[in-house]
Amino acid sequence: MRTIRCSCNVLLFRAAATARLDGIEIKCRRCGTINRFRAESPSPERPGAPDQDHG
């Protein structure tokens, strides 16, 4: 489990380590900040592999 916190350090939620957090928006109940979570770009399978976008 990992904990997801707002910038004001309030606990927003807990998620499994393998959970996908893409396309989620949560408003902090304490400070009112909208916290957005997007999918991270995948890392290359091997070090030094070229990016798919740049050929």
Protein backbone atom coordinates (compact mmCIF):
# COMPACT_ATOMS: atom_id res chain seq x y z
CA MET A 1 0.00 0.00 0.00
CA ARG A 2 1.10 3.52 -0.68
CA THR A 3 -0.40 6.68 0.74
CA ILE A 4 -1.27 9.62 -1.48
CA ARG A 5 -1.11 13.01 0.21
CA CYS A 6 -1.93 16.59 -0.73
CA SER A 7 0.76 19.26 -0.73
CA CYS A 8 -0.61 20.34 2.69
CA ASN A 9 0.21 16.79 3.91
CA VAL A 10 -3.41 15.62 4.39
CA LEU A 11 -4.00 11.98 3.49
CA LEU A 12 -6.13 11.84 0.32
CA PHE A 13 -6.30 8.06 -0.09
CA ARG A 14 -4.38 4.81 0.03
CA ALA A 15 -3.77 2.68 -3.02
CA ALA A 16 -2.25 -0.69 -3.78
CA ALA A 17 1.30 -0.48 -5.07
CA THR A 18 0.12 -1.77 -8.46
CA ALA A 19 -2.90 0.55 -8.73
CA ARG A 20 -3.12 2.81 -11.79
CA LEU A 21 -3.68 6.45 -10.89
CA ASP A 22 -4.48 8.00 -14.24
CA GLY A 23 -7.27 10.44 -14.87
CA ILE A 24 -8.10 10.95 -11.19
CA GLU A 25 -8.89 14.34 -9.62
CA ILE A 26 -9.43 14.75 -5.88
CA LYS A 27 -10.20 17.96 -4.02
CA CYS A 28 -8.46 18.21 -0.64
CA ARG A 29 -10.99 18.58 2.14
CA ARG A 30 -8.59 20.74 4.15
CA CYS A 31 -7.06 23.29 1.75
CA GLY A 32 -9.33 22.92 -1.30
CA THR A 33 -6.50 22.11 -3.74
CA ILE A 34 -7.48 20.01 -6.75
CA ASN A 35 -4.98 17.13 -6.96
CA ARG A 36 -4.67 15.57 -10.42
CA PHE A 37 -3.07 12.22 -11.15
CA ARG A 38 -2.00 11.22 -14.65
CA ALA A 39 -0.32 8.11 -15.94
CA GLU A 40 3.45 8.25 -15.93
CA SER A 41 5.22 7.72 -19.23
CA PRO A 42 6.65 4.21 -19.44
CA SER A 43 10.37 3.81 -19.01
CA PRO A 44 12.41 2.10 -21.76
CA GLU A 45 12.76 -1.67 -21.41
CA ARG A 46 16.52 -1.38 -21.51
CA PRO A 47 18.83 1.54 -20.65
CA GLY A 48 19.75 3.61 -23.67
CA ALA A 49 16.76 2.50 -25.73
CA PRO A 50 15.45 5.26 -28.02
CA ASP A 51 12.13 6.92 -27.19
CA GLN A 52 9.25 5.76 -29.35
CA ASP A 53 8.33 9.38 -30.10
CA HIS A 54 11.78 10.31 -31.39
CA GLY A 55 12.56 7.24 -33.47
